Amino acid sequence: MPLNVQDKKAIVADVGAQLAGAQTVVLAEYRGIPVEQLTKLRASARDQGVYLRVLKNTLARRAAQGTQFEPLADSMVGPLIYGISADPIASAKVLQNFAKTQDKLVITAGLYNGKLLDVAGVKSLASIPSRDELLSQLLGVMLAPVSAMARVLGAVAAQKAEGAPAPVAAPVAEVAAAPAEVVAEAAAPEASAEPAAAAPEAGTETPETPAAE
């Protein structure tokens, strides 16, 4: 069904609003892709915050006019689907991942941060880890020492449960937490079983022991 003037204006305004907040646009041909596959692609794009739409190139050029994406006008040829995202990587990643499983989707061009991208450029952009992936990797690095400590504590608890003898030396943490008098008592040498003989007072004579007869 042909679009009337009002429909075209509405599309141009909608796409223009998306471009105003976008960092990346990726173009791809979609000849011969079944409708159900396109539906899956749209669902994936929506989950990643990517605005994905099949557009008439004349309307897309009009929407891009006066924006940083205007240099893409020469690449707007053929039946194209447009991926637009505020995230610098998302649109490239969504379309590239889909192209890996559907060879009828052919990426043709892109633009990121004011720079035109060829097919290789779009693939390179798509290979960069997303923000969520980077955060996940960072969290894994941060939790690694905690996981190691948890394993050690678990092993100690298992030994105690099995009746293993307690270690001779108290853990540093326990010593640090003990009251000062307890630590001092533990550090002091044990008293001998016999009291030490009292030293004679100055000025007193010690009685001599009679010699054996």
C-alpha atoms as a PDB file:
ATOM      1  CA  MET A   1       0.000   0.000   0.000  1.00  0.00           C
ATOM      2  CA  PRO A   2       1.564   3.337  -1.043  1.00  0.00           C
ATOM      3  CA  LEU A   3       2.393   5.796   1.693  1.00  0.00           C
ATOM      4  CA  ASN A   4       0.641   9.141   1.680  1.00  0.00           C
ATOM      5  CA  VAL A   5       2.383  12.406   2.494  1.00  0.00           C
ATOM      6  CA  GLN A   6       1.392  12.318   6.147  1.00  0.00           C
ATOM      7  CA  ASP A   7       2.705   8.755   6.561  1.00  0.00           C
ATOM      8  CA  LYS A   8       6.039   9.732   5.005  1.00  0.00           C
ATOM      9  CA  LYS A   9       6.357  12.753   7.272  1.00  0.00           C
ATOM     10  CA  ALA A  10       5.621  10.594  10.303  1.00  0.00           C
ATOM     11  CA  ILE A  11       8.291   8.044   9.299  1.00  0.00           C
ATOM     12  CA  VAL A  12      10.885  10.747   8.653  1.00  0.00           C
ATOM     13  CA  ALA A  13      10.134  12.343  12.029  1.00  0.00           C
ATOM     14  CA  ASP A  14      10.336   8.985  13.830  1.00  0.00           C
ATOM     15  CA  VAL A  15      13.628   7.986  12.207  1.00  0.00           C
ATOM     16  CA  GLY A  16      15.030  11.484  12.696  1.00  0.00           C
ATOM     17  CA  ALA A  17      14.278  11.281  16.429  1.00  0.00           C
ATOM     18  CA  GLN A  18      16.122   7.966  16.633  1.00  0.00           C
ATOM     19  CA  LEU A  19      19.129   9.344  14.768  1.00  0.00           C
ATOM     20  CA  ALA A  20      19.282  12.368  17.063  1.00  0.00           C
ATOM     21  CA  GLY A  21      20.177  10.153  20.017  1.00  0.00           C
ATOM     22  CA  ALA A  22      22.174   7.518  18.133  1.00  0.00           C
ATOM     23  CA  GLN A  23      25.881   6.789  17.997  1.00  0.00           C
ATOM     24  CA  THR A  24      25.814   4.032  15.389  1.00  0.00           C
ATOM     25  CA  VAL A  25      23.816   3.119  12.289  1.00  0.00           C
ATOM     26  CA  VAL A  26      24.292  -0.111  10.354  1.00  0.00           C
ATOM     27  CA  LEU A  27      22.779  -0.915   6.941  1.00  0.00           C
ATOM     28  CA  ALA A  28      22.126  -4.442   5.691  1.00  0.00           C
ATOM     29  CA  GLU A  29      20.402  -6.014   2.682  1.00  0.00           C
ATOM     30  CA  TYR A  30      17.702  -8.486   3.570  1.00  0.00           C
ATOM     31  CA  ARG A  31      16.639 -10.068   0.269  1.00  0.00           C
ATOM     32  CA  GLY A  32      14.952 -13.441   0.596  1.00  0.00           C
ATOM     33  CA  ILE A  33      14.844 -13.645   4.384  1.00  0.00           C
ATOM     34  CA  PRO A  34      11.639 -15.344   5.598  1.00  0.00           C
ATOM     35  CA  VAL A  35       9.229 -13.223   7.596  1.00  0.00           C
ATOM     36  CA  GLU A  36       9.578 -15.404  10.691  1.00  0.00           C
ATOM     37  CA  GLN A  37      13.351 -14.896  10.651  1.00  0.00           C
ATOM     38  CA  LEU A  38      12.932 -11.141  10.392  1.00  0.00           C
ATOM     39  CA  THR A  39      10.541 -11.315  13.328  1.00  0.00           C
ATOM     40  CA  LYS A  40      13.239 -13.033  15.409  1.00  0.00           C
ATOM     41  CA  LEU A  41      15.756 -10.403  14.338  1.00  0.00           C
ATOM     42  CA  ARG A  42      13.419  -7.625  15.388  1.00  0.00           C
ATOM     43  CA  ALA A  43      12.861  -9.289  18.777  1.00  0.00           C
ATOM     44  CA  SER A  44      16.619  -9.609  19.328  1.00  0.00           C
ATOM     45  CA  ALA A  45      17.138  -5.965  18.358  1.00  0.00           C
ATOM     46  CA  ARG A  46      14.391  -4.829  20.710  1.00  0.00           C
ATOM     47  CA  ASP A  47      15.992  -6.751  23.598  1.00  0.00           C
ATOM     48  CA  GLN A  48      19.304  -4.974  22.936  1.00  0.00           C
ATOM     49  CA  GLY A  49      17.773  -1.515  22.650  1.00  0.00           C
ATOM     50  CA  VAL A  50      18.309  -1.322  18.868  1.00  0.00           C
ATOM     51  CA  TYR A  51      15.827   0.470  16.626  1.00  0.00           C
ATOM     52  CA  LEU A  52      15.469  -1.846  13.611  1.00  0.00           C
ATOM     53  CA  ARG A  53      13.348  -0.946  10.607  1.00  0.00           C
ATOM     54  CA  VAL A  54      12.988  -1.601   6.891  1.00  0.00           C
ATOM     55  CA  LEU A  55      12.935   1.831   5.255  1.00  0.00           C
ATOM     56  CA  LYS A  56      12.546   3.377   1.872  1.00  0.00           C
ATOM     57  CA  ASN A  57      15.952   4.856   1.146  1.00  0.00           C
ATOM     58  CA  THR A  58      14.528   8.183   0.071  1.00  0.00           C
ATOM     59  CA  LEU A  59      12.888   8.584   3.473  1.00  0.00           C
ATOM     60  CA  ALA A  60      16.028   7.451   5.271  1.00  0.00           C
ATOM     61  CA  ARG A  61      18.125  10.024   3.375  1.00  0.00           C
ATOM     62  CA  ARG A  62      15.635  12.725   4.283  1.00  0.00           C
ATOM     63  CA  ALA A  63      15.755  11.742   7.964  1.00  0.00           C
ATOM     64  CA  ALA A  64      19.572  11.680   7.974  1.00  0.00           C
ATOM     65  CA  GLN A  65      19.891  15.052   6.282  1.00  0.00           C
ATOM     66  CA  GLY A  66      21.665  17.534   8.540  1.00  0.00           C
ATOM     67  CA  THR A  67      22.785  14.853  11.024  1.00  0.00           C
ATOM     68  CA  GLN A  68      26.128  13.128  11.512  1.00  0.00           C
ATOM     69  CA  PHE A  69      24.696  10.182   9.540  1.00  0.00           C
ATOM     70  CA  GLU A  70      24.207  12.123   6.313  1.00  0.00           C
ATOM     71  CA  PRO A  71      27.442  10.628   4.812  1.00  0.00           C
ATOM     72  CA  LEU A  72      25.614   7.270   4.682  1.00  0.00           C
ATOM     73  CA  ALA A  73      23.334   8.602   1.928  1.00  0.00           C
ATOM     74  CA  ASP A  74      25.516   7.181  -0.863  1.00  0.00           C
ATOM     75  CA  SER A  75      25.277   3.709   0.728  1.00  0.00           C
ATOM     76  CA  MET A  76      21.477   3.784   0.936  1.00  0.00           C
ATOM     77  CA  VAL A  77      20.880   1.648  -2.129  1.00  0.00           C
ATOM     78  CA  GLY A  78      18.784  -1.504  -2.519  1.00  0.00           C
ATOM     79  CA  PRO A  79      16.367  -3.147  -0.093  1.00  0.00           C
ATOM     80  CA  LEU A  80      17.842  -2.206   3.260  1.00  0.00           C
ATOM     81  CA  ILE A  81      17.115  -2.772   6.891  1.00  0.00           C
ATOM     82  CA  TYR A  82      18.438  -0.076   9.233  1.00  0.00           C
ATOM     83  CA  GLY A  83      19.866  -0.747  12.692  1.00  0.00           C
ATOM     84  CA  ILE A  84      20.096   2.396  14.843  1.00  0.00           C
ATOM     85  CA  SER A  85      21.410   2.429  18.398  1.00  0.00           C
ATOM     86  CA  ALA A  86      22.479   4.852  21.100  1.00  0.00           C
ATOM     87  CA  ASP A  87      24.864   2.153  22.295  1.00  0.00           C
ATOM     88  CA  PRO A  88      27.949   2.333  20.037  1.00  0.00           C
ATOM     89  CA  ILE A  89      28.170  -1.437  19.615  1.00  0.00           C
ATOM     90  CA  ALA A  90      24.626  -2.796  19.885  1.00  0.00           C
ATOM     91  CA  SER A  91      23.339  -2.332  16.313  1.00  0.00           C
ATOM     92  CA  ALA A  92      26.530  -3.773  14.789  1.00  0.00           C
ATOM     93  CA  LYS A  93      26.480  -6.732  17.180  1.00  0.00           C
ATOM     94  CA  VAL A  94      22.796  -7.561  16.606  1.00  0.00           C
ATOM     95  CA  LEU A  95      23.053  -7.529  12.813  1.00  0.00           C
ATOM     96  CA  GLN A  96      26.427  -9.287  12.698  1.00  0.00           C
ATOM     97  CA  ASN A  97      25.279 -12.067  15.029  1.00  0.00           C
ATOM     98  CA  PHE A  98      22.179 -12.598  12.911  1.00  0.00           C
ATOM     99  CA  ALA A  99      24.257 -12.626   9.707  1.00  0.00           C
ATOM    100  CA  LYS A 100      26.303 -15.518  11.116  1.00  0.00           C
ATOM    101  CA  THR A 101      23.205 -17.730  11.055  1.00  0.00           C
ATOM    102  CA  GLN A 102      21.411 -16.189   8.055  1.00  0.00           C
ATOM    103  CA  ASP A 103      23.637 -15.623   5.030  1.00  0.00           C
ATOM    104  CA  LYS A 104      20.873 -13.745   3.212  1.00  0.00           C
ATOM    105  CA  LEU A 105      21.396 -10.816   5.540  1.00  0.00           C
ATOM    106  CA  VAL A 106      24.334  -8.919   4.040  1.00  0.00           C
ATOM    107  CA  ILE A 107      25.840  -5.995   5.940  1.00  0.00           C
ATOM    108  CA  THR A 108      26.771  -3.235   3.493  1.00  0.00           C
ATOM    109  CA  ALA A 109      27.883  -0.196   5.522  1.00  0.00           C
ATOM    110  CA  GLY A 110      27.746   1.599   8.819  1.00  0.00           C
ATOM    111  CA  LEU A 111      28.678   4.778  10.586  1.00  0.00           C
ATOM    112  CA  TYR A 112      30.006   5.227  14.084  1.00  0.00           C
ATOM    113  CA  ASN A 113      31.099   8.445  15.770  1.00  0.00           C
ATOM    114  CA  GLY A 114      30.957  10.329  12.480  1.00  0.00           C
ATOM    115  CA  LYS A 115      33.144   7.812  10.642  1.00  0.00           C
ATOM    116  CA  LEU A 116      31.959   5.676   7.738  1.00  0.00           C
ATOM    117  CA  LEU A 117      32.477   1.934   8.180  1.00  0.00           C
ATOM    118  CA  ASP A 118      32.808  -0.698   5.499  1.00  0.00           C
ATOM    119  CA  VAL A 119      31.786  -4.328   6.098  1.00  0.00           C
ATOM    120  CA  ALA A 120      35.059  -5.143   7.856  1.00  0.00           C
ATOM    121  CA  GLY A 121      34.658  -2.063  10.036  1.00  0.00           C
ATOM    122  CA  VAL A 122      31.165  -3.087  11.116  1.00  0.00           C
ATOM    123  CA  LYS A 123      32.392  -6.612  11.957  1.00  0.00           C
ATOM    124  CA  SER A 124      35.269  -5.199  13.997  1.00  0.00           C
ATOM    125  CA  LEU A 125      32.865  -2.969  15.899  1.00  0.00           C
ATOM    126  CA  ALA A 126      30.584  -5.941  16.543  1.00  0.00           C
ATOM    127  CA  SER A 127      33.483  -7.954  17.996  1.00  0.00           C
ATOM    128  CA  ILE A 128      34.039  -5.466  20.837  1.00  0.00           C
ATOM    129  CA  PRO A 129      32.570  -6.713  24.144  1.00  0.00           C
ATOM    130  CA  SER A 130      29.417  -4.910  25.151  1.00  0.00           C
ATOM    131  CA  ARG A 131      29.122  -2.927  28.380  1.00  0.00           C
ATOM    132  CA  ASP A 132      27.264  -5.791  30.073  1.00  0.00           C
ATOM    133  CA  GLU A 133      29.927  -8.279  28.957  1.00  0.00           C
ATOM    134  CA  LEU A 134      32.710  -6.068  30.288  1.00  0.00           C
ATOM    135  CA  LEU A 135      30.920  -5.632  33.615  1.00  0.00           C
ATOM    136  CA  SER A 136      30.421  -9.399  33.841  1.00  0.00           C
ATOM    137  CA  GLN A 137      34.130 -10.016  33.206  1.00  0.00           C
ATOM    138  CA  LEU A 138      35.104  -7.401  35.789  1.00  0.00           C
ATOM    139  CA  LEU A 139      32.750  -8.918  38.356  1.00  0.00           C
ATOM    140  CA  GLY A 140      34.287 -12.346  37.731  1.00  0.00           C
ATOM    141  CA  VAL A 141      37.775 -10.978  38.400  1.00  0.00           C
ATOM    142  CA  MET A 142      36.631  -9.226  41.578  1.00  0.00           C
ATOM    143  CA  LEU A 143      34.847 -12.311  42.946  1.00  0.00           C
ATOM    144  CA  ALA A 144      37.726 -14.725  42.275  1.00  0.00           C
ATOM    145  CA  PRO A 145      39.519 -14.074  45.633  1.00  0.00           C
ATOM    146  CA  VAL A 146      36.202 -14.332  47.494  1.00  0.00           C
ATOM    147  CA  SER A 147      35.488 -17.687  45.844  1.00  0.00           C
ATOM    148  CA  ALA A 148      38.941 -18.976  46.784  1.00  0.00           C
ATOM    149  CA  MET A 149      38.428 -17.939  50.431  1.00  0.00           C
ATOM    150  CA  ALA A 150      35.006 -19.592  50.458  1.00  0.00           C
ATOM    151  CA  ARG A 151      36.579 -22.859  49.272  1.00  0.00           C
ATOM    152  CA  VAL A 152      39.227 -22.716  52.029  1.00  0.00           C
ATOM    153  CA  LEU A 153      36.639 -22.030  54.735  1.00  0.00           C
ATOM    154  CA  GLY A 154      34.492 -24.840  53.364  1.00  0.00           C
ATOM    155  CA  ALA A 155      37.408 -27.266  53.571  1.00  0.00           C
ATOM    156  CA  VAL A 156      38.113 -26.238  57.186  1.00  0.00           C
ATOM    157  CA  ALA A 157      34.457 -26.711  58.106  1.00  0.00           C
ATOM    158  CA  ALA A 158      34.471 -30.147  56.470  1.00  0.00           C
ATOM    159  CA  GLN A 159      37.562 -31.175  58.474  1.00  0.00           C
ATOM    160  CA  LYS A 160      35.952 -30.106  61.730  1.00  0.00           C
ATOM    161  CA  ALA A 161      32.765 -31.979  60.855  1.00  0.00           C
ATOM    162  CA  GLU A 162      34.819 -35.149  60.283  1.00  0.00           C
ATOM    163  CA  GLY A 163      36.532 -34.753  63.654  1.00  0.00           C
ATOM    164  CA  ALA A 164      39.923 -33.783  62.302  1.00  0.00           C
ATOM    165  CA  PRO A 165      42.296 -32.370  64.952  1.00  0.00           C
ATOM    166  CA  ALA A 166      42.264 -28.642  65.262  1.00  0.00           C
ATOM    167  CA  PRO A 167      45.375 -26.864  63.975  1.00  0.00           C
ATOM    168  CA  VAL A 168      48.052 -26.141  66.582  1.00  0.00           C
ATOM    169  CA  ALA A 169      48.379 -22.461  65.749  1.00  0.00           C
ATOM    170  CA  ALA A 170      45.305 -20.308  66.121  1.00  0.00           C
ATOM    171  CA  PRO A 171      44.322 -18.360  63.028  1.00  0.00           C
ATOM    172  CA  VAL A 172      45.603 -14.800  62.916  1.00  0.00           C
ATOM    173  CA  ALA A 173      42.067 -13.449  62.834  1.00  0.00           C
ATOM    174  CA  GLU A 174      41.183 -15.294  66.060  1.00  0.00           C
ATOM    175  CA  VAL A 175      44.275 -14.059  67.898  1.00  0.00           C
ATOM    176  CA  ALA A 176      43.594 -10.501  66.820  1.00  0.00           C
ATOM    177  CA  ALA A 177      40.029 -10.762  68.083  1.00  0.00           C
ATOM    178  CA  ALA A 178      40.937 -12.280  71.490  1.00  0.00           C
ATOM    179  CA  PRO A 179      41.014 -10.049  74.603  1.00  0.00           C
ATOM    180  CA  ALA A 180      44.430  -8.631  75.436  1.00  0.00           C
ATOM    181  CA  GLU A 181      44.690 -10.504  78.765  1.00  0.00           C
ATOM    182  CA  VAL A 182      43.982 -13.843  77.070  1.00  0.00           C
ATOM    183  CA  VAL A 183      46.671 -13.193  74.454  1.00  0.00           C
ATOM    184  CA  ALA A 184      49.150 -12.145  77.174  1.00  0.00           C
ATOM    185  CA  GLU A 185      48.377 -15.263  79.178  1.00  0.00           C
ATOM    186  CA  ALA A 186      48.880 -17.507  76.182  1.00  0.00           C
ATOM    187  CA  ALA A 187      52.169 -15.789  75.373  1.00  0.00           C
ATOM    188  CA  ALA A 188      53.599 -16.036  78.923  1.00  0.00           C
ATOM    189  CA  PRO A 189      55.808 -19.094  79.749  1.00  0.00           C
ATOM    190  CA  GLU A 190      54.249 -21.764  81.964  1.00  0.00           C
ATOM    191  CA  ALA A 191      55.048 -21.615  85.651  1.00  0.00           C
ATOM    192  CA  SER A 192      57.319 -24.455  86.865  1.00  0.00           C
ATOM    193  CA  ALA A 193      55.801 -27.169  89.032  1.00  0.00           C
ATOM    194  CA  GLU A 194      58.162 -26.401  91.939  1.00  0.00           C
ATOM    195  CA  PRO A 195      58.460 -22.871  93.325  1.00  0.00           C
ATOM    196  CA  ALA A 196      61.977 -21.470  92.995  1.00  0.00           C
ATOM    197  CA  ALA A 197      64.060 -21.544  96.163  1.00  0.00           C
ATOM    198  CA  ALA A 198      64.157 -18.198  97.871  1.00  0.00           C
ATOM    199  CA  ALA A 199      67.495 -16.429  97.694  1.00  0.00           C
ATOM    200  CA  PRO A 200      69.057 -15.755 101.120  1.00  0.00           C
ATOM    201  CA  GLU A 201      68.679 -12.288 102.462  1.00  0.00           C
ATOM    202  CA  ALA A 202      71.725 -10.073 102.634  1.00  0.00           C
ATOM    203  CA  GLY A 203      73.598 -10.260 105.992  1.00  0.00           C
ATOM    204  CA  THR A 204      72.352 -13.698 107.018  1.00  0.00           C
ATOM    205  CA  GLU A 205      74.509 -16.740 107.274  1.00  0.00           C
ATOM    206  CA  THR A 206      73.636 -20.017 105.781  1.00  0.00           C
ATOM    207  CA  PRO A 207      74.005 -22.874 108.232  1.00  0.00           C
ATOM    208  CA  GLU A 208      76.737 -25.298 107.222  1.00  0.00           C
ATOM    209  CA  THR A 209      75.811 -28.871 106.660  1.00  0.00           C
ATOM    210  CA  PRO A 210      77.733 -31.175 108.975  1.00  0.00           C
ATOM    211  CA  ALA A 211      80.290 -33.296 107.175  1.00  0.00           C
ATOM    212  CA  ALA A 212      79.615 -36.958 107.025  1.00  0.00           C
ATOM    213  CA  GLU A 213      81.513 -38.906 109.615  1.00  0.00           C
END
